[in-house]
Amino acid sequence: MKNRRAYLMMALAIVLGLAAVAMASRWLLRQTPANAARIVVATADVSLGQRLAPEMVRLADWPTGSLPAGALRDPLQLSGRVLKTSVLRGEPLTEAKLAPAGTLGGLSALISEGKRAITVRVNDVIGVAGFALPGNFVDILVSTRATGGDEEAGKEHAISKIVLERILVLAVAQEVSRDDTKPRVVNAVTLEVAPAQAEKVDLARSVGTLSLVLRNQVDPQPGTTSGATKDSLLGLAAAVVPPPAPAAPRPAAVAARSAPPRHCIGTIDGLRSRRECL
């Protein structure tokens, strides 16, 4: 009887001990460290251009010493906002990653202020074999026929020229995701351009053939060129022929030109005549 009571007391002590440990652990997890702040993070992977819903965000503790610039603290203010960059699960949300308030979702949310989006038709060659992906920068090359200058008025010659540089690719086909690095062969690419650049693209695709030239993401250097023609391609540029040198004057002619002018008088004496020069 005494042994049974002892076993019951031991079992009760173990149960109560486990319950106390569980309650203490739960209480500790709920406590916010003194050097931590609560900021808004994503609860799942969210693609750019997508509108945020309340279930997509939550508050999470974050060390105050490493808070991201512009971190947000109120999840209710994010309802309906649109992302202009993709975020991963657990990633903090900042104002820099959001489109202006009131922006509708989709591609229009990704266009910078003062810019426009224009779509050009491409194939596997023009589209750089599918490596021109959203977020990349490209140069636009046009191949056309140009009229010659004054010396070749009316004559046309083929020319290839870079007309726009460092143009941002917004989307390929109907996809705007920038997380995929695999090449994708599509039939259309949407570019972000200024209004004046949009006019150049529209004119270029009507007068010639467009090609995209993929460039380094961090290379801001301009590639100013005069364009490539058939003559420059084959090294057939016309050589400048110097004019022929004038012939050396004869000594007699030089002496005649260098002598001072003389006055001559002719006289007649009967059947004889003579000429005297002064």
Foldseek 3Di string as FASTA:
>chain_A
DVVVVVVVVVVVVVVVVVVVVVVVVVVVVPDADPQKDWFKFFQAKDAALDFDALNGIDIDIDGNVDDDPQTHHDSVVRHGWGFLHIDGHGHTDGPVRTADPPDHGDLVSNADPQKDKDKDWDFCFQCVNQQQAAFFWWWKKWWAWDADDPVRGPDIFIWIDGDGGGWGWQHAPRDRGPPDRDGDTGTMTMIIGHPVVVVVVVVRVVGGDMGIGTDDNPDPDDDDDPTDTPCNVVVNPDDDDDDDDDDDDDPVVVVVVPDDDKDKDKDDDPPDIDMDID
